[in-house]
Protein backbone atom coordinates (compact mmCIF):
# COMPACT_ATOMS: atom_id res chain seq x y z
CA MET A 1 6.59 29.78 25.49
CA VAL A 2 3.43 30.79 27.52
CA GLU A 3 2.95 27.08 28.26
CA HIS A 4 6.47 26.85 29.80
CA GLN A 5 6.19 30.06 31.92
CA ASN A 6 4.50 27.98 34.79
CA LYS A 7 6.73 25.06 34.66
CA SER A 8 10.23 24.55 36.26
CA LEU A 9 13.30 23.92 34.09
CA GLU A 10 13.30 20.46 35.69
CA GLU A 11 9.67 19.76 34.45
CA ILE A 12 10.52 20.99 30.88
CA ALA A 13 13.64 18.91 30.69
CA LEU A 14 11.63 15.82 32.04
CA GLU A 15 8.95 16.31 29.40
CA GLU A 16 11.46 16.61 26.61
CA LYS A 17 13.23 13.43 27.83
CA ASP A 18 9.91 11.61 27.92
CA ARG A 19 8.99 12.73 24.45
CA ARG A 20 12.35 11.59 23.00
CA THR A 21 12.15 8.39 24.90
CA ASN A 22 8.77 7.76 23.18
CA LEU A 23 10.07 8.57 19.80
CA LYS A 24 13.09 6.22 20.41
CA LYS A 25 10.64 3.24 20.71
CA PHE A 26 9.22 3.92 17.25
CA CYS A 27 12.57 4.62 15.66
CA ASP A 28 14.18 1.44 17.07
CA SER A 29 11.19 -0.58 15.83
CA ILE A 30 11.59 0.90 12.34
CA LEU A 31 15.27 0.30 12.09
CA GLN A 32 14.98 -3.38 13.33
CA LYS A 33 12.28 -3.97 10.69
CA ILE A 34 14.44 -2.31 7.98
CA ARG A 35 17.34 -4.74 8.81
CA THR A 36 14.98 -7.75 8.06
CA LEU A 37 14.42 -6.68 4.56
CA ASP A 38 15.58 -9.26 1.93
CA ASN A 39 15.53 -9.61 -1.89
CA ASN A 40 11.82 -10.48 -1.93
CA SER A 41 10.65 -7.44 0.05
CA GLY A 42 10.63 -5.17 -2.92
CA TYR A 43 8.33 -7.69 -4.77
CA ARG A 44 5.90 -7.65 -1.78
CA ALA A 45 5.84 -3.79 -1.43
CA ILE A 46 3.23 -3.32 -4.26
CA TRP A 47 0.84 -5.46 -2.28
CA GLU A 48 1.53 -3.80 1.00
CA LEU A 49 0.44 -0.41 -0.75
CA CYS A 50 -2.69 -2.04 -2.25
CA GLN A 51 -3.62 -3.36 1.11
CA ASN A 52 -3.51 0.33 2.53
CA ALA A 53 -5.49 1.45 -0.49
CA ARG A 54 -8.31 -1.21 -0.10
CA ASP A 55 -8.59 -0.45 3.75
CA LEU A 56 -9.50 3.15 2.72
CA SER A 57 -12.13 2.53 0.25
CA GLU A 58 -15.13 0.25 -0.62
CA ASN A 59 -14.23 0.33 -4.32
CA ALA A 60 -10.39 1.16 -4.51
CA ILE A 61 -9.14 2.65 -7.72
CA ILE A 62 -5.30 2.28 -7.90
CA GLN A 63 -2.62 3.65 -10.41
CA ILE A 64 1.02 2.55 -10.21
CA THR A 65 3.56 4.31 -12.37
CA LEU A 66 7.22 3.41 -12.92
CA GLU A 67 9.74 5.80 -14.44
CA ASN A 68 13.46 5.62 -14.58
CA ASN A 69 13.92 7.48 -11.40
CA LEU A 70 10.65 7.23 -9.69
CA PHE A 71 8.02 4.81 -8.42
CA THR A 72 4.49 6.42 -7.85
CA PHE A 73 1.61 4.52 -6.08
CA ALA A 74 -1.57 6.45 -6.19
CA HIS A 75 -5.14 5.53 -5.07
CA LYS A 76 -8.61 7.15 -4.76
CA GLY A 77 -9.75 6.68 -1.20
CA GLU A 78 -10.41 8.30 2.21
CA PRO A 79 -8.09 11.14 3.04
CA PHE A 80 -5.61 10.98 5.91
CA ASN A 81 -6.89 11.85 9.34
CA GLU A 82 -4.98 12.61 12.52
CA ASP A 83 -4.59 9.00 13.43
CA SER A 84 -3.55 7.63 10.07
CA LEU A 85 -1.07 10.51 9.22
CA LEU A 86 0.69 10.27 12.66
CA SER A 87 0.61 6.40 12.39
CA LEU A 88 2.31 6.54 9.06
CA VAL A 89 5.20 8.76 10.50
CA LYS A 90 5.57 6.57 13.52
CA GLN A 91 5.04 3.43 11.44
CA VAL A 92 2.28 1.82 13.61
CA SER A 93 -0.97 0.35 12.60
CA ALA A 94 -3.79 2.97 12.45
CA GLU A 95 -6.57 2.66 14.88
CA GLY A 96 -9.79 1.07 13.65
CA LYS A 97 -8.37 -1.18 10.93
CA GLU A 98 -8.65 -4.42 12.82
CA ASN A 99 -11.73 -6.07 11.28
CA ASN A 100 -12.46 -9.11 9.10
CA ASP A 101 -12.12 -7.27 5.88
CA THR A 102 -9.07 -5.19 6.39
CA ALA A 103 -5.48 -6.36 5.57
CA GLY A 104 -3.34 -3.63 7.21
CA GLN A 105 -3.03 0.08 7.20
CA PHE A 106 0.58 1.20 7.67
CA GLY A 107 1.33 -1.93 9.70
CA THR A 108 4.69 -3.69 9.74
CA GLY A 109 4.37 -4.81 6.08
CA PHE A 110 4.67 -1.23 4.93
CA ILE A 111 8.29 -1.38 5.75
CA THR A 112 8.78 -3.38 2.56
CA THR A 113 8.30 -0.36 0.41
CA HIS A 114 11.65 0.93 1.80
CA LYS A 115 13.23 -1.56 -0.59
CA PHE A 116 12.48 1.18 -3.10
CA ASN A 117 13.84 3.99 -0.95
CA ARG A 118 13.97 4.74 2.76
CA LYS A 119 12.75 8.22 1.86
CA PHE A 120 9.37 8.89 0.25
CA TYR A 121 7.05 11.75 -0.42
CA LEU A 122 3.40 11.92 0.24
CA SER A 123 0.72 14.00 -1.52
CA GLY A 124 -2.99 13.93 -0.78
CA SER A 125 -5.54 15.55 1.72
CA PHE A 126 -5.48 15.77 5.51
CA LYS A 127 -9.04 15.84 6.93
CA THR A 128 -9.22 16.59 10.69
CA SER A 129 -11.83 15.52 13.13
CA THR A 130 -13.46 18.91 12.85
CA ASN A 131 -13.85 18.26 9.07
CA LYS A 132 -11.29 20.84 7.87
CA ILE A 133 -9.35 19.84 4.96
CA PHE A 134 -5.61 20.66 4.50
CA ASP A 135 -3.39 19.96 1.55
CA ILE A 136 -0.44 17.59 1.68
CA ASN A 137 2.08 18.19 -1.07
CA ASN A 138 5.22 16.23 -1.29
CA PHE A 139 5.44 15.66 2.53
CA GLU A 140 8.76 14.09 3.23
CA ILE A 141 8.95 10.93 5.34
CA ASP A 142 12.66 10.15 5.76
CA ARG A 143 13.94 6.86 7.36
CA SER A 144 17.38 6.96 5.81
CA GLU A 145 19.23 7.46 9.20
CA ASP A 146 20.86 4.53 10.94
CA GLU A 147 22.15 6.68 13.86
CA ILE A 148 19.38 6.66 16.40
CA ASN A 149 19.56 10.15 17.65
CA SER A 150 19.61 11.55 14.08
CA PHE A 151 16.63 9.34 13.43
CA ILE A 152 14.74 10.66 16.38
CA ASP A 153 15.47 14.31 15.31
CA LYS A 154 14.00 13.48 11.77
CA MET A 155 10.92 11.75 13.13
CA ASP A 156 10.35 14.76 15.51
CA MET A 157 10.65 17.27 12.65
CA GLN A 158 8.09 15.21 10.66
CA ILE A 159 5.56 15.09 13.49
CA LYS A 160 6.05 18.97 14.01
CA ALA A 161 5.53 19.33 10.19
CA ILE A 162 2.08 17.71 10.62
CA TYR A 163 1.14 20.27 13.22
CA GLN A 164 2.31 22.90 10.85
CA LEU A 165 -0.17 21.70 8.09
CA LEU A 166 -2.99 22.92 10.42
CA LYS A 167 -1.62 26.57 10.08
CA ASN A 168 -2.15 26.44 6.28
CA PRO A 169 -5.37 27.76 4.48
CA GLU A 170 -7.97 25.01 4.04
CA CYS A 171 -8.10 23.46 0.51
CA PRO A 172 -10.41 21.34 -1.53
CA LEU A 173 -10.22 17.62 -1.17
CA ARG A 174 -7.75 15.89 -3.47
CA LYS A 175 -9.12 12.89 -5.60
CA TRP A 176 -5.79 11.02 -5.31
CA THR A 177 -3.25 10.12 -2.53
CA GLU A 178 0.08 9.47 -3.83
CA PHE A 179 3.31 7.82 -2.47
CA LYS A 180 6.30 8.70 -4.46
CA TYR A 181 9.65 6.78 -4.12
CA PRO A 182 12.82 8.08 -5.80
CA LEU A 183 14.77 5.23 -7.54
CA ASN A 184 18.34 4.46 -8.27
CA GLU A 185 19.87 2.16 -10.83
CA GLN A 186 19.42 -0.89 -8.44
CA THR A 187 15.93 -0.24 -7.06
CA VAL A 188 14.51 0.57 -10.50
CA GLY A 189 15.18 -3.05 -11.42
CA ILE A 190 13.39 -4.26 -8.26
CA ALA A 191 10.38 -1.95 -9.06
CA ASN A 192 10.30 -3.06 -12.65
CA ARG A 193 10.34 -6.80 -11.64
CA SER A 194 7.56 -5.95 -9.09
CA MET A 195 5.40 -4.42 -11.95
CA GLU A 196 5.77 -7.53 -14.01
CA MET A 197 4.82 -9.85 -11.14
CA ALA A 198 1.85 -7.57 -10.48
CA LYS A 199 0.62 -7.84 -13.99
CA GLU A 200 0.51 -11.56 -13.67
CA MET A 201 -1.20 -11.53 -10.15
CA LEU A 202 -3.72 -8.72 -10.54
CA PRO A 203 -6.72 -10.65 -12.13
CA TYR A 204 -6.64 -12.95 -8.89
CA ILE A 205 -6.19 -9.89 -6.60
CA LEU A 206 -9.51 -8.44 -8.10
CA VAL A 207 -11.08 -11.92 -7.14
CA THR A 208 -9.80 -12.11 -3.59
CA ASN A 209 -10.32 -8.36 -2.84
CA GLN A 210 -13.92 -7.35 -3.22
CA ARG A 211 -12.93 -3.75 -2.21
CA ILE A 212 -10.47 -3.23 -5.09
CA ARG A 213 -12.36 -2.24 -8.33
CA GLU A 214 -9.60 -1.18 -10.80
CA VAL A 215 -5.93 -1.11 -11.04
CA THR A 216 -3.78 0.46 -13.79
CA LEU A 217 -0.16 -0.24 -14.27
CA ILE A 218 1.86 2.33 -16.18
CA ASN A 219 5.56 1.35 -17.03
CA LYS A 220 6.98 4.38 -18.73
CA ILE A 221 10.32 2.63 -19.11
CA LYS A 222 8.67 -0.02 -21.38
CA ASN A 223 6.12 2.58 -22.84
CA HIS A 224 3.34 0.14 -21.68
CA MET A 225 0.11 0.67 -19.78
CA VAL A 226 -2.36 -2.07 -18.82
CA LYS A 227 -5.67 -1.57 -16.97
CA PHE A 228 -7.69 -4.35 -15.01
CA CYS A 229 -11.40 -3.58 -14.45
CA LYS A 230 -13.76 -5.94 -12.87
CA SER A 231 -17.51 -6.34 -13.52
CA GLU A 232 -20.18 -8.03 -11.45
CA ALA A 233 -19.67 -11.73 -10.61
CA TYR A 234 -22.39 -14.23 -11.78
CA GLU A 235 -23.06 -17.98 -11.41
CA GLN A 236 -22.61 -20.51 -14.26
CA ASN A 237 -23.08 -24.22 -13.90
CA GLY A 238 -22.40 -24.13 -10.19
CA LEU A 239 -19.36 -21.91 -10.31
CA LYS A 240 -18.95 -18.20 -9.75
CA VAL A 241 -17.51 -16.23 -12.60
CA LEU A 242 -15.87 -12.75 -12.33
CA PRO A 243 -15.25 -11.08 -15.69
CA ILE A 244 -12.17 -8.78 -15.74
CA LYS A 245 -11.59 -6.35 -18.70
CA ILE A 246 -7.93 -6.10 -19.39
CA ILE A 247 -6.99 -2.98 -21.60
CA GLU A 248 -3.44 -2.49 -22.93
CA ASN A 249 -2.24 1.04 -24.19
CA ASN A 250 -5.86 2.21 -24.20
CA LEU A 251 -6.27 0.08 -27.48
CA ASN A 252 -6.66 -3.64 -27.17
CA SER A 253 -9.31 -5.00 -24.73
CA VAL A 254 -10.02 -8.46 -23.73
CA THR A 255 -12.36 -9.95 -21.03
CA PHE A 256 -10.72 -12.64 -18.92
CA ASN A 257 -13.28 -14.65 -16.97
CA ILE A 258 -12.10 -16.22 -13.67
CA TYR A 259 -13.97 -19.18 -12.29
CA TYR A 260 -14.04 -19.83 -8.43
CA LEU A 261 -15.84 -21.47 -5.71
CA GLU A 262 -16.65 -19.47 -2.52
CA ASP A 263 -18.04 -19.83 0.93
CA GLN A 264 -18.16 -17.09 3.65
CA ASN A 265 -14.41 -16.88 4.25
CA ASN A 266 -12.78 -18.82 1.47
CA LYS A 267 -12.26 -18.80 -2.26
CA ILE A 268 -10.82 -21.50 -4.46
CA ILE A 269 -9.83 -20.09 -7.81
CA LEU A 270 -9.86 -22.57 -10.66
CA PRO A 271 -7.46 -22.25 -13.82
CA LEU A 272 -10.38 -22.34 -16.32
CA SER A 273 -10.65 -20.23 -19.27
CA ASP A 274 -14.28 -21.61 -19.74
CA ASN A 275 -16.15 -24.51 -18.27
CA TYR A 276 -14.04 -27.11 -20.05
CA THR A 277 -10.63 -25.72 -20.66
CA ILE A 278 -7.68 -25.31 -18.19
CA TYR A 279 -4.72 -23.04 -18.38
CA ASP A 280 -1.30 -22.97 -16.65
CA ILE A 281 -1.03 -21.00 -13.32
CA ASN A 282 2.47 -22.23 -12.57
CA LYS A 283 3.80 -18.66 -12.19
CA ILE A 284 0.91 -17.72 -9.80
CA SER A 285 1.11 -18.00 -6.02
CA LYS A 286 -1.03 -20.81 -4.79
CA LEU A 287 -1.99 -19.26 -1.44
CA PHE A 288 -3.60 -15.84 -0.88
CA VAL A 289 -4.48 -14.16 2.32
CA TRP A 290 -6.17 -11.26 0.38
CA PHE A 291 -2.86 -10.88 -1.48
CA PRO A 292 -0.38 -13.50 -2.75
CA LEU A 293 2.06 -15.15 -0.44
CA LEU A 294 5.35 -15.22 -2.40
CA GLY A 295 7.05 -18.58 -2.43
CA THR A 296 3.83 -20.69 -2.78
CA GLU A 297 4.13 -20.57 -6.55
CA ASN A 298 5.51 -24.14 -6.64
CA TRP A 299 3.25 -25.91 -4.21
CA GLY A 300 2.23 -28.48 -6.65
CA ILE A 301 -1.52 -27.78 -6.74
CA ASN A 302 -3.52 -26.73 -9.60
CA PHE A 303 -5.75 -24.14 -7.98
CA ILE A 304 -5.48 -20.93 -5.86
CA TYR A 305 -6.70 -20.86 -2.35
CA HIS A 306 -7.64 -17.60 -0.57
CA SER A 307 -8.66 -17.55 3.08
CA SER A 308 -9.43 -14.30 5.10
């Protein structure tokens, strides 16, 4: 109120109009992207979330949990800052992520996660530029409105809620950042299929992404857990080998060795279980740009190619 005392009604009205016009640009963009979602978007959603996690850590640890009514993506990495939290609400790429080893932080691909739900809840830590830490607990981000003025109102409330976080007491840094998406009967099927596809692809994800160290899939619907952990790569007979330990239900453990060729920007992953034995990769995407490009499973080649 003190700020407004020296401004005319016309100035106040103009500022409000300018603010809503800026918000409208973000809302229009989000709605336009949501309309482009198709049946495959939900299958890409896990990889979009993994991209964000890898951009926030040098050794990302990820845990993905599926329940009958909830999909949860959690990772250990850098907390949110002012830029990344506002960028998430406005759905724009966060500043500073454009380098050779980042795949995208809250860029356009993140919209695919709305195939699970257009409303999700965020928990984690908010670390300011002054190194103060505030708790984020089930912070709601709601993009379920199609009517533009209602959507602008919701985004405005979410931005104001970020400012409100600064009025809370400081808190210890959380280890995990979580994205929670409520599911219905239809979207739980999409999430379940996404988990099954992820299980097939994850060993190769660990090869193409040096900054992801460990991924755990917990499917409570099927009462099944599988963890993928990678060790250090080594050379054998001219090939690089990456050992990946696969642990199911905290009981059975096997080591899956992935053989590949590598130069500065490219990897060719070979379907070898040892130096002399091949296996079938028909279900696996053949082209990766950090993560699989869906639709390249049937390209008719017997290797996987990744390029940055």
